Structures are given as C-alpha cells and as structure tokens.
Amino acid sequence: MELGVVVGIAAISIMTLIAVLMGIVAAVSTVSGIDTRDNEGD
C-alpha cells in the first residue's frame, strides 16, 4: 500500500514538473518568436 502511494505521488510530481517545464518552454518560445518577428519587422 505505502509503496503504491509513494509511486503515485512520484508519478504525479513528475507529471507536474513536466507540465511546468513544457509551459516554460512554450512561454520562452513565444517570447523568442515575438522578439524575432519584431527584429525582422524593423
């Protein structure tokens, strides 16, 4: 029982971390994309 709970918490934590990392990467990519377009526009 305890092992299952630990594994479950670990899985949720990993999934949360991956989701946060993907969100950060997406945000950085969006900012970089806007930055690049802005520079090209000028």
Protein backbone atom coordinates (compact mmCIF):
# COMPACT_ATOMS: atom_id res chain seq x y z
CA MET A 1 0.00 0.00 0.00
CA GLU A 2 2.66 2.51 1.06
CA LEU A 3 4.82 1.73 -1.98
CA GLY A 4 1.84 2.31 -4.26
CA VAL A 5 1.12 5.66 -2.60
CA VAL A 6 4.77 6.72 -2.93
CA VAL A 7 4.85 5.69 -6.59
CA GLY A 8 1.57 7.52 -7.22
CA ILE A 9 2.85 10.72 -5.59
CA ALA A 10 6.13 10.43 -7.51
CA ALA A 11 4.27 9.97 -10.81
CA ILE A 12 2.05 13.00 -10.13
CA SER A 13 5.09 15.08 -9.14
CA ILE A 14 6.97 14.09 -12.31
CA MET A 15 3.92 14.83 -14.49
CA THR A 16 3.53 18.21 -12.78
CA LEU A 17 7.21 19.04 -13.31
CA ILE A 18 6.98 18.06 -17.00
CA ALA A 19 3.85 20.20 -17.43
CA VAL A 20 5.57 23.18 -15.78
CA LEU A 21 8.72 22.71 -17.89
CA MET A 22 6.62 22.48 -21.09
CA GLY A 23 4.80 25.66 -20.06
CA ILE A 24 8.10 27.47 -19.50
CA VAL A 25 9.48 26.25 -22.84
CA ALA A 26 6.29 27.33 -24.62
CA ALA A 27 6.43 30.76 -22.96
CA VAL A 28 10.10 31.21 -23.87
CA SER A 29 9.45 30.08 -27.45
CA THR A 30 6.54 32.53 -27.74
CA VAL A 31 8.63 35.42 -26.39
CA SER A 32 11.55 34.47 -28.65
CA GLY A 33 9.20 34.22 -31.64
CA ILE A 34 7.74 37.68 -30.97
CA ASP A 35 11.25 39.04 -30.44
CA THR A 36 12.49 37.55 -33.74
CA ARG A 37 9.48 38.84 -35.71
CA ASP A 38 9.92 42.28 -34.14
CA ASN A 39 13.57 42.43 -35.16
CA GLU A 40 12.79 41.19 -38.68
CA GLY A 41 9.98 43.74 -38.93
CA ASP A 42 12.39 46.56 -38.22
